[in-house]
Protein backbone atom coordinates (compact mmCIF):
# COMPACT_ATOMS: atom_id res chain seq x y z
CA UNK A 1 0.00 0.00 0.00
CA UNK A 2 1.65 3.33 -1.02
CA UNK A 3 2.36 5.83 1.79
CA UNK A 4 1.58 9.54 1.29
CA UNK A 5 4.46 12.01 1.09
CA UNK A 6 2.87 14.04 3.93
CA UNK A 7 3.23 11.06 6.30
CA UNK A 8 6.85 10.58 5.26
CA UNK A 9 7.68 14.23 5.93
CA UNK A 10 5.91 14.08 9.30
CA UNK A 11 8.05 11.04 10.19
CA UNK A 12 11.26 12.84 9.13
CA UNK A 13 10.29 16.03 10.94
CA UNK A 14 9.48 14.15 14.13
CA UNK A 15 12.85 12.44 14.10
CA UNK A 16 14.63 15.78 13.49
CA UNK A 17 12.77 17.48 16.34
CA UNK A 18 13.55 14.64 18.72
CA UNK A 19 17.25 14.80 17.85
CA UNK A 20 17.22 18.60 18.33
CA UNK A 21 15.60 18.24 21.75
CA UNK A 22 18.22 15.72 22.81
CA UNK A 23 21.03 18.07 21.84
CA UNK A 24 19.34 21.05 23.50
CA UNK A 25 18.79 19.25 26.81
CA UNK A 26 22.35 17.87 27.04
CA UNK A 27 25.73 19.53 27.06
CA UNK A 28 28.48 18.53 24.65
CA UNK A 29 30.38 16.56 27.26
CA UNK A 30 27.39 14.33 28.06
CA UNK A 31 26.75 13.65 24.39
CA UNK A 32 30.41 12.85 23.80
CA UNK A 33 30.40 10.60 26.84
CA UNK A 34 27.30 8.79 25.54
CA UNK A 35 28.95 8.20 22.20
CA UNK A 36 32.10 6.90 23.88
CA UNK A 37 30.27 4.14 25.79
CA UNK A 38 29.38 0.91 24.01
CA UNK A 39 25.79 0.80 25.25
CA UNK A 40 25.08 4.34 24.28
CA UNK A 41 26.72 3.86 20.88
CA UNK A 42 24.78 0.65 20.26
CA UNK A 43 21.51 2.32 21.24
CA UNK A 44 22.15 5.20 18.90
CA UNK A 45 23.03 2.83 16.05
CA UNK A 46 19.90 0.76 16.63
CA UNK A 47 17.79 3.92 16.62
CA UNK A 48 19.35 5.07 13.34
CA UNK A 49 18.84 1.63 11.78
CA UNK A 50 15.20 1.58 12.86
CA UNK A 51 14.68 5.02 11.38
CA UNK A 52 16.47 4.12 8.15
CA UNK A 53 14.55 0.85 7.88
CA UNK A 54 11.24 2.58 8.48
CA UNK A 55 12.09 5.24 5.91
CA UNK A 56 13.05 2.62 3.30
CA UNK A 57 9.89 0.63 3.94
CA UNK A 58 7.85 3.80 3.61
CA UNK A 59 9.50 4.85 0.37
CA UNK A 60 10.02 1.47 -1.29
CA UNK A 61 7.69 -0.85 0.60
CA UNK A 62 6.52 -3.02 -2.27
CA UNK A 63 9.81 -3.19 -4.14
CA UNK A 64 11.84 -3.73 -0.97
CA UNK A 65 9.52 -6.53 0.11
CA UNK A 66 9.97 -8.29 -3.21
CA UNK A 67 13.72 -7.79 -3.06
CA UNK A 68 13.89 -9.27 0.44
CA UNK A 69 11.81 -12.28 -0.64
CA UNK A 70 14.19 -12.86 -3.57
CA UNK A 71 17.21 -12.53 -1.28
CA UNK A 72 15.79 -15.06 1.19
CA UNK A 73 14.90 -17.48 -1.63
CA UNK A 74 18.37 -17.41 -3.18
CA UNK A 75 19.99 -17.59 0.26
CA UNK A 76 18.05 -20.81 0.96
CA UNK A 77 18.99 -22.17 -2.48
CA UNK A 78 22.63 -21.34 -1.79
CA UNK A 79 22.56 -23.09 1.59
CA UNK A 80 20.98 -26.20 0.04
CA UNK A 81 23.62 -26.26 -2.70
CA UNK A 82 26.41 -25.99 -0.13
CA UNK A 83 24.88 -28.80 1.96
CA UNK A 84 24.37 -30.95 -1.13
CA UNK A 85 27.98 -30.45 -2.22
CA UNK A 86 29.32 -31.16 1.27
CA UNK A 87 27.38 -34.43 1.49
CA UNK A 88 27.53 -35.34 -2.22
CA UNK A 89 29.07 -38.77 -1.64
CA UNK A 90 26.57 -39.72 1.07
CA UNK A 91 23.69 -38.49 -1.11
CA UNK A 92 25.01 -40.49 -4.06
CA UNK A 93 25.08 -43.64 -1.93
CA UNK A 94 21.51 -43.00 -0.78
CA UNK A 95 20.43 -42.41 -4.38
CA UNK A 96 22.11 -45.65 -5.49
CA UNK A 97 20.31 -47.61 -2.78
CA UNK A 98 16.94 -46.13 -3.74
CA UNK A 99 17.50 -46.89 -7.45
CA UNK A 100 18.66 -50.43 -6.61
CA UNK A 101 15.40 -51.04 -4.74
CA UNK A 102 13.33 -49.70 -7.63
CA UNK A 103 15.36 -51.21 -10.49
CA UNK A 104 16.29 -54.88 -9.97
CA UNK A 105 19.74 -55.62 -11.39
CA UNK A 106 21.00 -52.08 -10.82
CA UNK A 107 24.43 -52.21 -9.18
CA UNK A 108 24.59 -49.91 -6.17
CA UNK A 109 28.30 -49.27 -5.65
CA UNK A 110 29.82 -48.22 -2.31
CA UNK A 111 33.56 -48.13 -2.78
CA UNK A 112 34.77 -51.73 -2.85
CA UNK A 113 31.31 -53.09 -2.14
CA UNK A 114 28.20 -53.45 -4.31
CA UNK A 115 24.59 -54.38 -3.62
CA UNK A 116 22.04 -55.85 -6.02
CA UNK A 117 18.33 -56.56 -5.46
CA UNK A 118 16.74 -59.78 -6.72
CA UNK A 119 14.55 -59.35 -9.81
CA UNK A 120 10.96 -60.49 -10.31
CA UNK A 121 12.10 -63.83 -11.75
CA UNK A 122 13.96 -64.66 -8.56
CA UNK A 123 17.42 -64.17 -10.08
CA UNK A 124 20.13 -61.64 -9.37
CA UNK A 125 20.59 -59.85 -12.66
CA UNK A 126 23.96 -58.11 -12.74
CA UNK A 127 25.01 -55.32 -15.08
CA UNK A 128 28.67 -56.24 -15.62
CA UNK A 129 31.32 -54.85 -17.97
CA UNK A 130 33.67 -57.21 -19.80
CA UNK A 131 36.66 -55.61 -21.52
CA UNK A 132 34.72 -52.32 -21.40
CA UNK A 133 31.52 -53.68 -23.00
CA UNK A 134 28.34 -53.82 -20.94
CA UNK A 135 27.22 -57.43 -20.59
CA UNK A 136 24.06 -58.46 -18.68
CA UNK A 137 24.71 -61.45 -16.45
CA UNK A 138 22.93 -63.62 -13.91
CA UNK A 139 24.50 -64.74 -10.65
CA UNK A 140 25.00 -68.50 -10.65
CA UNK A 141 26.84 -69.89 -7.64
CA UNK A 142 26.46 -73.35 -9.11
CA UNK A 143 28.56 -72.45 -12.14
CA UNK A 144 32.24 -73.17 -11.58
CA UNK A 145 33.18 -70.51 -14.12
CA UNK A 146 31.99 -67.31 -15.71
CA UNK A 147 30.09 -68.44 -18.81
CA UNK A 148 29.31 -66.28 -21.84
CA UNK A 149 27.08 -66.57 -24.86
CA UNK A 150 28.42 -66.02 -28.35
CA UNK A 151 26.83 -62.55 -28.49
CA UNK A 152 28.45 -61.49 -25.21
CA UNK A 153 31.82 -62.83 -26.28
CA UNK A 154 31.56 -60.89 -29.54
CA UNK A 155 30.64 -57.68 -27.69
CA UNK A 156 33.64 -58.16 -25.40
CA UNK A 157 35.92 -58.42 -28.42
CA UNK A 158 36.91 -62.06 -27.98
CA UNK A 159 38.30 -63.83 -31.08
CA UNK A 160 35.41 -66.19 -31.81
CA UNK A 161 36.95 -67.51 -35.01
CA UNK A 162 39.89 -69.12 -33.19
CA UNK A 163 38.11 -70.51 -30.12
CA UNK A 164 38.53 -74.20 -29.40
CA UNK A 165 35.43 -75.81 -27.86
CA UNK A 166 37.09 -78.51 -25.80
CA UNK A 167 35.31 -78.22 -22.44
CA UNK A 168 32.15 -80.19 -21.73
CA UNK A 169 29.54 -78.21 -19.77
CA UNK A 170 25.99 -78.78 -18.53
CA UNK A 171 23.41 -76.11 -19.38
CA UNK A 172 19.63 -75.78 -19.12
CA UNK A 173 19.48 -77.08 -22.69
CA UNK A 174 21.58 -80.12 -21.88
CA UNK A 175 25.24 -80.96 -22.26
CA UNK A 176 27.27 -78.93 -24.73
CA UNK A 177 30.82 -77.83 -25.34
CA UNK A 178 32.50 -74.55 -24.48
CA UNK A 179 35.75 -72.78 -25.27
CA UNK A 180 38.07 -71.62 -22.46
CA UNK A 181 39.05 -67.94 -22.59
CA UNK A 182 40.61 -65.36 -20.31
CA UNK A 183 38.81 -62.05 -19.78
CA UNK A 184 41.20 -59.12 -19.58
CA UNK A 185 38.82 -57.18 -17.34
CA UNK A 186 35.53 -58.02 -15.63
CA UNK A 187 33.89 -55.25 -13.62
CA UNK A 188 30.77 -55.19 -11.46
CA UNK A 189 30.28 -51.70 -10.14
CA UNK A 190 33.54 -50.71 -8.46
CA UNK A 191 34.75 -54.32 -8.29
CA UNK A 192 37.28 -54.94 -11.03
CA UNK A 193 39.06 -58.25 -11.62
CA UNK A 194 41.60 -58.92 -14.34
CA UNK A 195 42.61 -62.10 -16.16
CA UNK A 196 39.42 -63.89 -15.18
CA UNK A 197 39.03 -67.44 -16.58
CA UNK A 198 35.74 -67.95 -18.44
CA UNK A 199 33.97 -70.19 -20.92
CA UNK A 200 32.19 -69.34 -24.17
CA UNK A 201 29.44 -71.78 -25.15
CA UNK A 202 28.38 -72.60 -28.67
CA UNK A 203 25.62 -70.70 -30.41
CA UNK A 204 22.12 -71.17 -29.03
CA UNK A 205 23.19 -73.26 -26.02
CA UNK A 206 22.80 -70.62 -23.31
CA UNK A 207 20.14 -67.99 -22.65
CA UNK A 208 21.91 -65.89 -20.01
CA UNK A 209 25.51 -65.05 -19.29
CA UNK A 210 26.51 -66.56 -15.94
CA UNK A 211 28.52 -64.81 -13.24
CA UNK A 212 30.13 -67.89 -11.75
CA UNK A 213 32.78 -68.84 -9.23
CA UNK A 214 35.88 -67.80 -11.20
CA UNK A 215 34.77 -64.25 -10.44
CA UNK A 216 33.17 -64.77 -7.02
CA UNK A 217 36.25 -66.59 -5.68
CA UNK A 218 38.31 -63.48 -6.40
CA UNK A 219 36.28 -61.42 -3.93
CA UNK A 220 36.89 -60.98 -0.22
CA UNK A 221 33.30 -62.06 0.44
CA UNK A 222 29.86 -62.34 -1.08
CA UNK A 223 26.53 -62.90 0.62
CA UNK A 224 22.89 -63.43 -0.28
CA UNK A 225 20.53 -62.19 2.41
CA UNK A 226 16.88 -62.30 1.49
CA UNK A 227 16.45 -60.36 -1.75
CA UNK A 228 19.82 -58.62 -1.48
CA UNK A 229 23.17 -59.71 -2.89
CA UNK A 230 26.26 -58.11 -1.37
CA UNK A 231 29.70 -58.37 -2.98
CA UNK A 232 32.84 -57.09 -1.29
CA UNK A 233 36.15 -56.77 -3.10
CA UNK A 234 39.60 -57.22 -1.66
CA UNK A 235 41.24 -54.11 -0.19
């Protein structure tokens, strides 16, 4: 609500008269003594601030109010950004845990440990990386080795044309033959193992890539508790 100029001048005049009366009723030494003391100085400063604040509100009430609201808003935003940056690693871990609960197979990494939630089929789907290529796998503690399909082996850059299928393996489709290979790099989240022995089965003999014991035995520990799989790498 705009304030009339007459009211503003009355306010200014009243302050001037009050200050004049104070000077008239006090000698110079008393005024100087008041200004020398902390309490007196603080009181005078507060009075001046109150007057200046009242004058600003009277002159620029609407605009000043909007400016103060904007200042408070950006101050809160700034504080939240500082807090978020200070706790960025903790917030990332919390975000990973939430996503892992909502997206089965998502690897929630916490340093040298990862957590995976069981999917709707009852398996632990694992998003692994083999030689830099993303390869979907399924945890299989009954498999003595990491086992790959032809498509996964091709994505990982393995030389399919020179593989020698000399190993007999049992799959869901029956007994078949597989070729022994060595994976340069197998990573699950922050867990990275190198020179991992694996097998590549013949075409059409395997539906899923299996994360077997040649990887799990490299870890410090692994545990299945309810619907959660926890893998911990060596220090």
